[in-house]
Amino acid sequence: MSLFGDGLDAAVQKAFTRPAPKSAGAQMRYLVKQLKSTKAVAQMLRVSQRTVERYVKDQIKKPRPELAARLEREVKKRWQPQIRAKARQKAATTGGIVIDTRARMGYTAPIGSTDEDRVRHLTVALPPQYAARLFEAQEAGATDQQLQQIVAEGLKEVYFQDGGRRAGSLEEVRFTDVQHLEFDL
């Protein structure tokens, strides 16, 4: 499970204009329509082609929990691609992204300042360039650690340095032990 990647996906999914299919049969039919064959869907979901065909015909209605999770994840990944692209584009160019987090944060600064790590609960609006960097990194297959580093840089600029108005000598922000993380576009 990817905390940062899943959080970004959930934020984009809030922009959907219609709900994704809920029943297993409707989800299978949607995937078959998208991938153009039952064989491709079967390979993607790691089930037999016959199983996919039975879901499509509503002969099977209740998937195993692990199959249900894979099915829902694959449908949401492909659902409303234009809406998803518009939401990402808006966040990356004009809107920015809001992060709500509870995590241990500290910083590296010159001697004499109180740079102790402590748990903070922050809700911060990051500017569009950080939203763009997050989405580009996610598209490129970045790890959670890399996404976390981008968020830490954004928090350094917006929260700790207040856009350059304070803490100019701040070197690095430590953003660890994430207890809660939520993004909003």
Foldseek 3Di string as FASTA:
>chain_A
DQQLLVQVLVQLLVQDPDDFDDWQLSLLVVVCVVVVHLCVVCVQLVHDSVVSVCSVVVVDTDDDPVSSVSSVVVRSVPPPPVSSVVVLVCCQPPNAKKKWWWFWKFFDFDPPDPGDTDTDTDIDGFHNNLSNVLVVCVVVPHGSVVNVQSVQVRCCCCPVCVNVVDPVRIDGMDTDPIPDIHMHD
